[in-house]
Amino acid sequence: MNVKPLDLRVKTSQDYLARIGRINERRGEQMVEKAALDQWYVVSAESDLAEGETRTVLLGVPLTLTRRGDVIGVSRAEGGSVLPVIRRYGFVWTTPGEPARDLFDLPEIAEPDRRVITCGAITVRASGLRIVENFLDLAHFPFVHTDILGAEPHTEVKSYKVEIRRDVDEVWATDCTFKQPRAALSAEGAVDVDYSYRVMAPFNTLLYKTCPGAANRFDVIALFVQPLAPDLCRAHPGLYMIDDQASDAAMIQFQQEIFLQDRIILENQRPVLLPMEPRAEIPTRADATSIAYRRWLKEKGITYGTTLAA
């Protein structure tokens, strides 16, 4: 059975998205640096894209997504210039620039027993980079996802390894562990969960976590962020799971519950944009991944959605 995830938007209509795009486009595309333009972005889950035309926005520019049967295209809403399209991992990807490389590799997708589940689109009034950084944060589990991903008194974030892997130009955090009351929908009781985080692009990240039903294998959870404006975005969660028990609908509901808890925090963070100035926020040992991520963004010249934006 095909289950259509909820489109959890906050007072955000297609007309509103188009209006954002028109306002930003009048400011000129020079407001978006080349480093941000030259990235691949998710603009829809394949299964959610309706027949005909759908309007959306990417980096302030209105786009038209077109579906005619199994053929999907993306173009600028004004002028109609065609943008490249990649259909992979259950999503539709495009770029307004000229990425130096193809989309990242996800070898787990080829495993025959691994389920691919897209979880809808959730609009968040925050910088897309803030959302990625929150996804990388272990420390908030007991306080935001209480009795699910964490609980007091088990609040300690144990030391873990963080590195920028220069050969693939990605940020990785490994050897992360955390005690969780309900690590996954199919989990029974609290377990110590092993995590690895992977940031493949400024707005795209994955985590690999202990799979309750398959020893020595990992479930993969994706967060692909579509920046609409510097302070507004749509999050596209995806699940690549080994689970022969839970239904698609149940797993989607569980993932959306987790993300909606995060959204409350994200929309109340100040500043709204990701602060990049030294000492703008006081880091702790648990923030090692965030520190590496911000340093990596600076190296790449990413300012869209940050306090360094013009």
C-alpha atoms as a PDB file:
ATOM      1  CA  MET A   1       0.000   0.000   0.000  1.00  0.00           C
ATOM      2  CA  ASN A   2       1.299   3.436  -0.921  1.00  0.00           C
ATOM      3  CA  VAL A   3       1.137   5.874   1.972  1.00  0.00           C
ATOM      4  CA  LYS A   4       1.247   9.584   1.161  1.00  0.00           C
ATOM      5  CA  PRO A   5       3.036  11.492   3.938  1.00  0.00           C
ATOM      6  CA  LEU A   6       1.567  14.679   5.265  1.00  0.00           C
ATOM      7  CA  ASP A   7       2.839  17.938   3.775  1.00  0.00           C
ATOM      8  CA  LEU A   8       3.418  19.766   7.053  1.00  0.00           C
ATOM      9  CA  ARG A   9       3.597  23.388   6.015  1.00  0.00           C
ATOM     10  CA  VAL A  10       3.084  26.342   8.349  1.00  0.00           C
ATOM     11  CA  LYS A  11       0.692  28.786   6.674  1.00  0.00           C
ATOM     12  CA  THR A  12       2.701  28.278   3.491  1.00  0.00           C
ATOM     13  CA  SER A  13       0.741  28.096   0.250  1.00  0.00           C
ATOM     14  CA  GLN A  14       2.043  27.766  -3.308  1.00  0.00           C
ATOM     15  CA  ASP A  15       1.250  31.477  -3.809  1.00  0.00           C
ATOM     16  CA  TYR A  16       3.269  32.350  -0.705  1.00  0.00           C
ATOM     17  CA  LEU A  17       6.246  30.364  -1.960  1.00  0.00           C
ATOM     18  CA  ALA A  18       6.016  32.086  -5.321  1.00  0.00           C
ATOM     19  CA  ARG A  19       5.826  35.495  -3.622  1.00  0.00           C
ATOM     20  CA  ILE A  20       8.995  34.734  -1.650  1.00  0.00           C
ATOM     21  CA  GLY A  21      10.699  33.882  -4.903  1.00  0.00           C
ATOM     22  CA  ARG A  22       9.587  37.028  -6.682  1.00  0.00           C
ATOM     23  CA  ILE A  23      10.762  39.244  -3.821  1.00  0.00           C
ATOM     24  CA  ASN A  24      14.157  37.585  -3.663  1.00  0.00           C
ATOM     25  CA  GLU A  25      14.536  37.477  -7.433  1.00  0.00           C
ATOM     26  CA  ARG A  26      13.988  41.257  -7.632  1.00  0.00           C
ATOM     27  CA  ARG A  27      16.923  41.649  -5.242  1.00  0.00           C
ATOM     28  CA  GLY A  28      19.065  39.900  -7.824  1.00  0.00           C
ATOM     29  CA  GLU A  29      20.583  36.424  -7.803  1.00  0.00           C
ATOM     30  CA  GLN A  30      23.895  37.915  -6.750  1.00  0.00           C
ATOM     31  CA  MET A  31      22.546  37.568  -3.199  1.00  0.00           C
ATOM     32  CA  VAL A  32      23.161  33.809  -3.535  1.00  0.00           C
ATOM     33  CA  GLU A  33      26.836  32.976  -3.649  1.00  0.00           C
ATOM     34  CA  LYS A  34      28.178  30.583  -6.281  1.00  0.00           C
ATOM     35  CA  ALA A  35      29.114  28.040  -3.612  1.00  0.00           C
ATOM     36  CA  ALA A  36      25.433  27.682  -2.681  1.00  0.00           C
ATOM     37  CA  LEU A  37      24.220  27.684  -6.277  1.00  0.00           C
ATOM     38  CA  ASP A  38      26.627  24.894  -7.238  1.00  0.00           C
ATOM     39  CA  GLN A  39      24.916  22.252  -5.060  1.00  0.00           C
ATOM     40  CA  TRP A  40      22.296  19.559  -5.616  1.00  0.00           C
ATOM     41  CA  TYR A  41      18.997  20.118  -3.755  1.00  0.00           C
ATOM     42  CA  VAL A  42      15.896  18.008  -3.171  1.00  0.00           C
ATOM     43  CA  VAL A  43      12.723  19.750  -4.345  1.00  0.00           C
ATOM     44  CA  SER A  44      10.241  16.886  -3.876  1.00  0.00           C
ATOM     45  CA  ALA A  45       9.880  13.226  -3.082  1.00  0.00           C
ATOM     46  CA  GLU A  46       9.133  11.349  -6.307  1.00  0.00           C
ATOM     47  CA  SER A  47       6.049   9.701  -4.828  1.00  0.00           C
ATOM     48  CA  ASP A  48       4.613  13.062  -3.696  1.00  0.00           C
ATOM     49  CA  LEU A  49       4.911  14.848  -7.039  1.00  0.00           C
ATOM     50  CA  ALA A  50       1.496  15.112  -8.656  1.00  0.00           C
ATOM     51  CA  GLU A  51       0.748  14.857 -12.353  1.00  0.00           C
ATOM     52  CA  GLY A  52       0.993  18.228 -14.109  1.00  0.00           C
ATOM     53  CA  GLU A  53       2.733  21.315 -12.707  1.00  0.00           C
ATOM     54  CA  THR A  54       3.750  22.080  -9.132  1.00  0.00           C
ATOM     55  CA  ARG A  55       5.250  25.365  -7.971  1.00  0.00           C
ATOM     56  CA  THR A  56       8.043  25.594  -5.453  1.00  0.00           C
ATOM     57  CA  VAL A  57      11.011  27.823  -4.558  1.00  0.00           C
ATOM     58  CA  LEU A  58      14.733  27.161  -4.299  1.00  0.00           C
ATOM     59  CA  LEU A  59      17.216  29.754  -3.010  1.00  0.00           C
ATOM     60  CA  GLY A  60      14.615  32.467  -3.539  1.00  0.00           C
ATOM     61  CA  VAL A  61      13.833  31.573  -7.148  1.00  0.00           C
ATOM     62  CA  PRO A  62      10.379  30.226  -8.145  1.00  0.00           C
ATOM     63  CA  LEU A  63      10.519  26.867  -9.913  1.00  0.00           C
ATOM     64  CA  THR A  64       8.001  24.761 -11.797  1.00  0.00           C
ATOM     65  CA  LEU A  65       8.122  20.996 -11.322  1.00  0.00           C
ATOM     66  CA  THR A  66       6.433  19.132 -14.160  1.00  0.00           C
ATOM     67  CA  ARG A  67       5.321  15.524 -14.187  1.00  0.00           C
ATOM     68  CA  ARG A  68       4.007  13.805 -17.292  1.00  0.00           C
ATOM     69  CA  GLY A  69       3.682  10.126 -16.462  1.00  0.00           C
ATOM     70  CA  ASP A  70       7.141   8.912 -15.558  1.00  0.00           C
ATOM     71  CA  VAL A  71       8.871  11.992 -16.993  1.00  0.00           C
ATOM     72  CA  ILE A  72       9.824  14.693 -14.457  1.00  0.00           C
ATOM     73  CA  GLY A  73      11.262  18.097 -15.334  1.00  0.00           C
ATOM     74  CA  VAL A  74      12.294  21.226 -13.421  1.00  0.00           C
ATOM     75  CA  SER A  75      12.424  24.754 -14.837  1.00  0.00           C
ATOM     76  CA  ARG A  76      12.442  28.337 -13.665  1.00  0.00           C
ATOM     77  CA  ALA A  77       8.892  29.611 -13.306  1.00  0.00           C
ATOM     78  CA  GLU A  78       9.820  32.918 -14.910  1.00  0.00           C
ATOM     79  CA  GLY A  79      11.592  32.504 -18.231  1.00  0.00           C
ATOM     80  CA  GLY A  80      11.189  28.752 -18.339  1.00  0.00           C
ATOM     81  CA  SER A  81      14.863  27.853 -18.509  1.00  0.00           C
ATOM     82  CA  VAL A  82      15.315  24.139 -17.865  1.00  0.00           C
ATOM     83  CA  LEU A  83      17.347  22.930 -14.868  1.00  0.00           C
ATOM     84  CA  PRO A  84      19.059  19.543 -14.598  1.00  0.00           C
ATOM     85  CA  VAL A  85      17.234  16.728 -12.799  1.00  0.00           C
ATOM     86  CA  ILE A  86      18.462  13.689 -10.876  1.00  0.00           C
ATOM     87  CA  ARG A  87      15.972  11.109  -9.581  1.00  0.00           C
ATOM     88  CA  ARG A  88      17.664   9.137  -6.856  1.00  0.00           C
ATOM     89  CA  TYR A  89      17.064   7.757  -3.350  1.00  0.00           C
ATOM     90  CA  GLY A  90      13.312   8.395  -3.688  1.00  0.00           C
ATOM     91  CA  PHE A  91      13.671  12.140  -4.358  1.00  0.00           C
ATOM     92  CA  VAL A  92      13.831  14.655  -7.192  1.00  0.00           C
ATOM     93  CA  TRP A  93      17.056  16.702  -7.168  1.00  0.00           C
ATOM     94  CA  THR A  94      18.002  19.804  -9.109  1.00  0.00           C
ATOM     95  CA  THR A  95      20.564  22.601  -9.131  1.00  0.00           C
ATOM     96  CA  PRO A  96      20.515  26.247 -10.239  1.00  0.00           C
ATOM     97  CA  GLY A  97      24.299  26.185 -10.685  1.00  0.00           C
ATOM     98  CA  GLU A  98      27.053  23.932 -11.966  1.00  0.00           C
ATOM     99  CA  PRO A  99      28.043  21.372  -9.312  1.00  0.00           C
ATOM    100  CA  ALA A 100      31.598  20.132  -9.627  1.00  0.00           C
ATOM    101  CA  ARG A 101      30.523  16.542  -9.002  1.00  0.00           C
ATOM    102  CA  ASP A 102      27.647  14.105  -9.181  1.00  0.00           C
ATOM    103  CA  LEU A 103      25.314  13.415  -6.274  1.00  0.00           C
ATOM    104  CA  PHE A 104      26.833  11.589  -3.294  1.00  0.00           C
ATOM    105  CA  ASP A 105      26.816   7.800  -3.221  1.00  0.00           C
ATOM    106  CA  LEU A 106      24.519   5.800  -0.919  1.00  0.00           C
ATOM    107  CA  PRO A 107      25.473   2.144  -1.463  1.00  0.00           C
ATOM    108  CA  GLU A 108      22.934   0.842   1.084  1.00  0.00           C
ATOM    109  CA  ILE A 109      20.155   1.713  -1.374  1.00  0.00           C
ATOM    110  CA  ALA A 110      21.071  -1.389  -3.423  1.00  0.00           C
ATOM    111  CA  GLU A 111      20.440  -3.840  -0.565  1.00  0.00           C
ATOM    112  CA  PRO A 112      17.329  -5.860  -1.464  1.00  0.00           C
ATOM    113  CA  ASP A 113      15.844  -5.932   2.047  1.00  0.00           C
ATOM    114  CA  ARG A 114      16.303  -2.231   2.727  1.00  0.00           C
ATOM    115  CA  ARG A 115      13.104  -0.194   2.580  1.00  0.00           C
ATOM    116  CA  VAL A 116      13.033   3.290   1.044  1.00  0.00           C
ATOM    117  CA  ILE A 117      10.486   5.560   2.725  1.00  0.00           C
ATOM    118  CA  THR A 118      10.075   9.284   2.116  1.00  0.00           C
ATOM    119  CA  CYS A 119       8.430  11.190   4.961  1.00  0.00           C
ATOM    120  CA  GLY A 120       6.826  14.252   3.402  1.00  0.00           C
ATOM    121  CA  ALA A 121       8.004  17.846   3.477  1.00  0.00           C
ATOM    122  CA  ILE A 122       8.023  20.041   6.579  1.00  0.00           C
ATOM    123  CA  THR A 123       8.331  23.813   6.332  1.00  0.00           C
ATOM    124  CA  VAL A 124      10.446  25.456   9.033  1.00  0.00           C
ATOM    125  CA  ARG A 125      10.962  29.158   9.701  1.00  0.00           C
ATOM    126  CA  ALA A 126      14.704  28.854  10.221  1.00  0.00           C
ATOM    127  CA  SER A 127      17.919  28.724   8.251  1.00  0.00           C
ATOM    128  CA  GLY A 128      18.381  25.418   6.471  1.00  0.00           C
ATOM    129  CA  LEU A 129      21.881  25.261   7.928  1.00  0.00           C
ATOM    130  CA  ARG A 130      20.407  25.508  11.435  1.00  0.00           C
ATOM    131  CA  ILE A 131      18.323  22.423  10.648  1.00  0.00           C
ATOM    132  CA  VAL A 132      21.340  20.428   9.505  1.00  0.00           C
ATOM    133  CA  GLU A 133      23.291  21.473  12.603  1.00  0.00           C
ATOM    134  CA  ASN A 134      20.398  20.462  14.887  1.00  0.00           C
ATOM    135  CA  PHE A 135      20.316  17.055  13.164  1.00  0.00           C
ATOM    136  CA  LEU A 136      23.987  16.589  14.111  1.00  0.00           C
ATOM    137  CA  ASP A 137      23.412  17.417  17.787  1.00  0.00           C
ATOM    138  CA  LEU A 138      23.359  14.454  20.181  1.00  0.00           C
ATOM    139  CA  ALA A 139      23.083  16.615  23.287  1.00  0.00           C
ATOM    140  CA  HIS A 140      19.469  17.679  22.706  1.00  0.00           C
ATOM    141  CA  PHE A 141      18.041  14.137  22.697  1.00  0.00           C
ATOM    142  CA  PRO A 142      17.084  13.901  26.407  1.00  0.00           C
ATOM    143  CA  PHE A 143      15.602  17.402  26.524  1.00  0.00           C
ATOM    144  CA  VAL A 144      13.728  17.660  23.202  1.00  0.00           C
ATOM    145  CA  HIS A 145      12.945  13.997  22.451  1.00  0.00           C
ATOM    146  CA  THR A 146      12.344  12.936  26.042  1.00  0.00           C
ATOM    147  CA  ASP A 147      11.623   9.229  26.577  1.00  0.00           C
ATOM    148  CA  ILE A 148      12.151   8.547  22.872  1.00  0.00           C
ATOM    149  CA  LEU A 149      15.714   9.363  21.826  1.00  0.00           C
ATOM    150  CA  GLY A 150      16.924  10.245  25.312  1.00  0.00           C
ATOM    151  CA  ALA A 151      15.958  10.724  28.937  1.00  0.00           C
ATOM    152  CA  GLU A 152      17.360  12.068  32.158  1.00  0.00           C
ATOM    153  CA  PRO A 153      19.607  11.253  33.942  1.00  0.00           C
ATOM    154  CA  HIS A 154      21.380   9.823  30.843  1.00  0.00           C
ATOM    155  CA  THR A 155      22.390  13.193  29.371  1.00  0.00           C
ATOM    156  CA  GLU A 156      26.137  12.774  28.936  1.00  0.00           C
ATOM    157  CA  VAL A 157      27.528  12.937  25.398  1.00  0.00           C
ATOM    158  CA  LYS A 158      30.545  10.660  25.356  1.00  0.00           C
ATOM    159  CA  SER A 159      33.645  11.591  23.398  1.00  0.00           C
ATOM    160  CA  TYR A 160      33.463  10.830  19.701  1.00  0.00           C
ATOM    161  CA  LYS A 161      35.560  11.400  16.587  1.00  0.00           C
ATOM    162  CA  VAL A 162      35.000  14.180  14.063  1.00  0.00           C
ATOM    163  CA  GLU A 163      36.854  14.781  10.827  1.00  0.00           C
ATOM    164  CA  ILE A 164      36.595  16.529   7.484  1.00  0.00           C
ATOM    165  CA  ARG A 165      37.385  13.779   4.991  1.00  0.00           C
ATOM    166  CA  ARG A 166      39.295  15.675   2.344  1.00  0.00           C
ATOM    167  CA  ASP A 167      39.260  12.844  -0.207  1.00  0.00           C
ATOM    168  CA  VAL A 168      35.448  13.014  -0.461  1.00  0.00           C
ATOM    169  CA  ASP A 169      34.923  16.560   0.918  1.00  0.00           C
ATOM    170  CA  GLU A 170      32.503  15.440   3.645  1.00  0.00           C
ATOM    171  CA  VAL A 171      32.156  15.946   7.396  1.00  0.00           C
ATOM    172  CA  TRP A 172      31.971  12.721   9.432  1.00  0.00           C
ATOM    173  CA  ALA A 173      31.321  12.076  13.132  1.00  0.00           C
ATOM    174  CA  THR A 174      31.956   8.481  14.232  1.00  0.00           C
ATOM    175  CA  ASP A 175      32.039   6.417  17.418  1.00  0.00           C
ATOM    176  CA  CYS A 176      28.981   8.239  18.763  1.00  0.00           C
ATOM    177  CA  THR A 177      26.945   6.354  21.369  1.00  0.00           C
ATOM    178  CA  PHE A 178      23.843   7.311  23.313  1.00  0.00           C
ATOM    179  CA  LYS A 179      21.385   5.492  25.582  1.00  0.00           C
ATOM    180  CA  GLN A 180      17.915   5.758  24.089  1.00  0.00           C
ATOM    181  CA  PRO A 181      14.547   4.650  25.521  1.00  0.00           C
ATOM    182  CA  ARG A 182      13.059   4.092  22.043  1.00  0.00           C
ATOM    183  CA  ALA A 183      15.730   4.222  19.365  1.00  0.00           C
ATOM    184  CA  ALA A 184      13.375   3.113  16.581  1.00  0.00           C
ATOM    185  CA  LEU A 185       9.738   2.182  16.132  1.00  0.00           C
ATOM    186  CA  SER A 186      10.585  -1.533  16.284  1.00  0.00           C
ATOM    187  CA  ALA A 187      12.935  -1.214  19.285  1.00  0.00           C
ATOM    188  CA  GLU A 188      11.913  -2.804  22.582  1.00  0.00           C
ATOM    189  CA  GLY A 189      13.274  -1.118  25.704  1.00  0.00           C
ATOM    190  CA  ALA A 190      16.246   1.183  26.199  1.00  0.00           C
ATOM    191  CA  VAL A 191      19.442   0.388  24.295  1.00  0.00           C
ATOM    192  CA  ASP A 192      22.863   1.892  23.760  1.00  0.00           C
ATOM    193  CA  VAL A 193      22.770   3.122  20.176  1.00  0.00           C
ATOM    194  CA  ASP A 194      25.783   3.584  17.926  1.00  0.00           C
ATOM    195  CA  TYR A 195      25.671   6.552  15.582  1.00  0.00           C
ATOM    196  CA  SER A 196      27.707   7.916  12.691  1.00  0.00           C
ATOM    197  CA  TYR A 197      26.885  11.236  11.076  1.00  0.00           C
ATOM    198  CA  ARG A 198      27.760  12.190   7.516  1.00  0.00           C
ATOM    199  CA  VAL A 199      27.398  15.636   5.914  1.00  0.00           C
ATOM    200  CA  MET A 200      27.756  15.299   2.141  1.00  0.00           C
ATOM    201  CA  ALA A 201      26.785  18.854   1.181  1.00  0.00           C
ATOM    202  CA  PRO A 202      25.884  22.023   3.106  1.00  0.00           C
ATOM    203  CA  PHE A 203      22.154  21.197   3.093  1.00  0.00           C
ATOM    204  CA  ASN A 204      22.283  17.378   2.943  1.00  0.00           C
ATOM    205  CA  THR A 205      23.110  14.993   5.767  1.00  0.00           C
ATOM    206  CA  LEU A 206      22.711  11.348   6.819  1.00  0.00           C
ATOM    207  CA  LEU A 207      22.988   9.382  10.015  1.00  0.00           C
ATOM    208  CA  TYR A 208      23.746   5.707  10.402  1.00  0.00           C
ATOM    209  CA  LYS A 209      22.414   4.107  13.584  1.00  0.00           C
ATOM    210  CA  THR A 210      22.164   0.712  15.223  1.00  0.00           C
ATOM    211  CA  CYS A 211      19.480  -1.402  13.597  1.00  0.00           C
ATOM    212  CA  PRO A 212      17.405  -3.211  16.278  1.00  0.00           C
ATOM    213  CA  GLY A 213      16.573  -6.115  13.979  1.00  0.00           C
ATOM    214  CA  ALA A 214      19.867  -6.684  12.179  1.00  0.00           C
ATOM    215  CA  ALA A 215      23.168  -7.056  14.005  1.00  0.00           C
ATOM    216  CA  ASN A 216      26.205  -5.439  12.381  1.00  0.00           C
ATOM    217  CA  ARG A 217      24.045  -3.381  10.019  1.00  0.00           C
ATOM    218  CA  PHE A 218      22.773   0.157  10.270  1.00  0.00           C
ATOM    219  CA  ASP A 219      19.547   1.966   9.527  1.00  0.00           C
ATOM    220  CA  VAL A 220      20.093   5.134   7.503  1.00  0.00           C
ATOM    221  CA  ILE A 221      18.112   8.328   8.128  1.00  0.00           C
ATOM    222  CA  ALA A 222      18.409  11.246   5.717  1.00  0.00           C
ATOM    223  CA  LEU A 223      17.639  14.921   6.041  1.00  0.00           C
ATOM    224  CA  PHE A 224      17.660  16.818   2.761  1.00  0.00           C
ATOM    225  CA  VAL A 225      16.964  20.538   3.155  1.00  0.00           C
ATOM    226  CA  GLN A 226      15.487  22.769   0.458  1.00  0.00           C
ATOM    227  CA  PRO A 227      16.294  26.408   1.306  1.00  0.00           C
ATOM    228  CA  LEU A 228      13.434  28.662   0.190  1.00  0.00           C
ATOM    229  CA  ALA A 229      14.914  31.845   1.642  1.00  0.00           C
ATOM    230  CA  PRO A 230      17.811  32.475   4.036  1.00  0.00           C
ATOM    231  CA  ASP A 231      15.445  32.084   7.005  1.00  0.00           C
ATOM    232  CA  LEU A 232      12.862  29.668   5.592  1.00  0.00           C
ATOM    233  CA  CYS A 233      13.212  26.127   4.279  1.00  0.00           C
ATOM    234  CA  ARG A 234      11.535  22.797   3.683  1.00  0.00           C
ATOM    235  CA  ALA A 235      12.966  19.651   5.236  1.00  0.00           C
ATOM    236  CA  HIS A 236      12.643  16.361   3.346  1.00  0.00           C
ATOM    237  CA  PRO A 237      13.319  13.396   5.686  1.00  0.00           C
ATOM    238  CA  GLY A 238      14.006   9.974   4.200  1.00  0.00           C
ATOM    239  CA  LEU A 239      14.344   6.522   5.760  1.00  0.00           C
ATOM    240  CA  TYR A 240      16.431   3.655   4.413  1.00  0.00           C
ATOM    241  CA  MET A 241      15.529   0.978   6.911  1.00  0.00           C
ATOM    242  CA  ILE A 242      15.853  -2.719   7.638  1.00  0.00           C
ATOM    243  CA  ASP A 243      12.498  -3.414   9.271  1.00  0.00           C
ATOM    244  CA  ASP A 244      10.023  -6.117   8.263  1.00  0.00           C
ATOM    245  CA  GLN A 245       7.537  -5.337  11.030  1.00  0.00           C
ATOM    246  CA  ALA A 246       6.430  -1.702  11.078  1.00  0.00           C
ATOM    247  CA  SER A 247       4.236  -0.279   8.317  1.00  0.00           C
ATOM    248  CA  ASP A 248       5.322   2.639   6.151  1.00  0.00           C
ATOM    249  CA  ALA A 249       2.618   4.792   7.745  1.00  0.00           C
ATOM    250  CA  ALA A 250       3.807   3.998  11.266  1.00  0.00           C
ATOM    251  CA  MET A 251       7.440   4.794  10.458  1.00  0.00           C
ATOM    252  CA  ILE A 252       6.485   8.032   8.721  1.00  0.00           C
ATOM    253  CA  GLN A 253       4.400   9.080  11.727  1.00  0.00           C
ATOM    254  CA  PHE A 254       7.252   8.258  14.114  1.00  0.00           C
ATOM    255  CA  GLN A 255       9.773  10.265  12.074  1.00  0.00           C
ATOM    256  CA  GLN A 256       7.438  13.233  11.721  1.00  0.00           C
ATOM    257  CA  GLU A 257       6.796  13.216  15.471  1.00  0.00           C
ATOM    258  CA  ILE A 258      10.539  13.503  16.071  1.00  0.00           C
ATOM    259  CA  PHE A 259      10.967  16.296  13.554  1.00  0.00           C
ATOM    260  CA  LEU A 260       8.014  18.327  14.800  1.00  0.00           C
ATOM    261  CA  GLN A 261       9.585  18.311  18.263  1.00  0.00           C
ATOM    262  CA  ASP A 262      12.729  19.744  16.660  1.00  0.00           C
ATOM    263  CA  ARG A 263      10.788  22.373  14.741  1.00  0.00           C
ATOM    264  CA  ILE A 264       9.573  24.023  17.943  1.00  0.00           C
ATOM    265  CA  ILE A 265      13.191  24.530  19.030  1.00  0.00           C
ATOM    266  CA  LEU A 266      14.464  25.546  15.594  1.00  0.00           C
ATOM    267  CA  GLU A 267      11.853  28.247  15.091  1.00  0.00           C
ATOM    268  CA  ASN A 268      12.690  29.805  18.451  1.00  0.00           C
ATOM    269  CA  GLN A 269      16.485  29.885  18.080  1.00  0.00           C
ATOM    270  CA  ARG A 270      18.104  33.295  17.920  1.00  0.00           C
ATOM    271  CA  PRO A 271      19.643  34.396  15.723  1.00  0.00           C
ATOM    272  CA  VAL A 272      17.471  32.728  13.109  1.00  0.00           C
ATOM    273  CA  LEU A 273      20.430  32.476  10.743  1.00  0.00           C
ATOM    274  CA  LEU A 274      23.421  30.285  11.534  1.00  0.00           C
ATOM    275  CA  PRO A 275      25.997  32.429  13.387  1.00  0.00           C
ATOM    276  CA  MET A 276      29.437  32.100  11.845  1.00  0.00           C
ATOM    277  CA  GLU A 277      31.354  34.732  13.782  1.00  0.00           C
ATOM    278  CA  PRO A 278      33.936  33.386  16.252  1.00  0.00           C
ATOM    279  CA  ARG A 279      32.569  33.140  19.790  1.00  0.00           C
ATOM    280  CA  ALA A 280      29.017  34.035  18.640  1.00  0.00           C
ATOM    281  CA  GLU A 281      27.899  30.966  20.583  1.00  0.00           C
ATOM    282  CA  ILE A 282      29.802  29.128  23.309  1.00  0.00           C
ATOM    283  CA  PRO A 283      30.616  25.551  22.223  1.00  0.00           C
ATOM    284  CA  THR A 284      30.952  22.523  24.495  1.00  0.00           C
ATOM    285  CA  ARG A 285      32.616  19.153  23.971  1.00  0.00           C
ATOM    286  CA  ALA A 286      29.336  17.861  22.543  1.00  0.00           C
ATOM    287  CA  ASP A 287      29.494  20.492  19.793  1.00  0.00           C
ATOM    288  CA  ALA A 288      32.544  19.050  18.024  1.00  0.00           C
ATOM    289  CA  THR A 289      30.538  18.123  14.932  1.00  0.00           C
ATOM    290  CA  SER A 290      28.950  21.567  14.769  1.00  0.00           C
ATOM    291  CA  ILE A 291      32.361  23.237  14.997  1.00  0.00           C
ATOM    292  CA  ALA A 292      33.706  21.101  12.144  1.00  0.00           C
ATOM    293  CA  TYR A 293      30.558  21.724  10.086  1.00  0.00           C
ATOM    294  CA  ARG A 294      30.827  25.518  10.443  1.00  0.00           C
ATOM    295  CA  ARG A 295      34.528  25.454   9.610  1.00  0.00           C
ATOM    296  CA  TRP A 296      33.752  23.363   6.520  1.00  0.00           C
ATOM    297  CA  LEU A 297      31.024  25.819   5.435  1.00  0.00           C
ATOM    298  CA  LYS A 298      33.470  28.713   5.740  1.00  0.00           C
ATOM    299  CA  GLU A 299      36.057  26.852   3.683  1.00  0.00           C
ATOM    300  CA  LYS A 300      33.471  26.314   0.958  1.00  0.00           C
ATOM    301  CA  GLY A 301      32.382  29.957   0.973  1.00  0.00           C
ATOM    302  CA  ILE A 302      28.780  29.247   2.044  1.00  0.00           C
ATOM    303  CA  THR A 303      27.031  32.354   3.401  1.00  0.00           C
ATOM    304  CA  TYR A 304      23.375  31.773   2.387  1.00  0.00           C
ATOM    305  CA  GLY A 305      21.422  31.285   5.587  1.00  0.00           C
ATOM    306  CA  THR A 306      24.269  32.528   7.819  1.00  0.00           C
ATOM    307  CA  THR A 307      24.927  35.746   9.704  1.00  0.00           C
ATOM    308  CA  LEU A 308      27.752  36.444   7.250  1.00  0.00           C
ATOM    309  CA  ALA A 309      25.274  36.847   4.371  1.00  0.00           C
ATOM    310  CA  ALA A 310      25.274  40.219   2.645  1.00  0.00           C
END
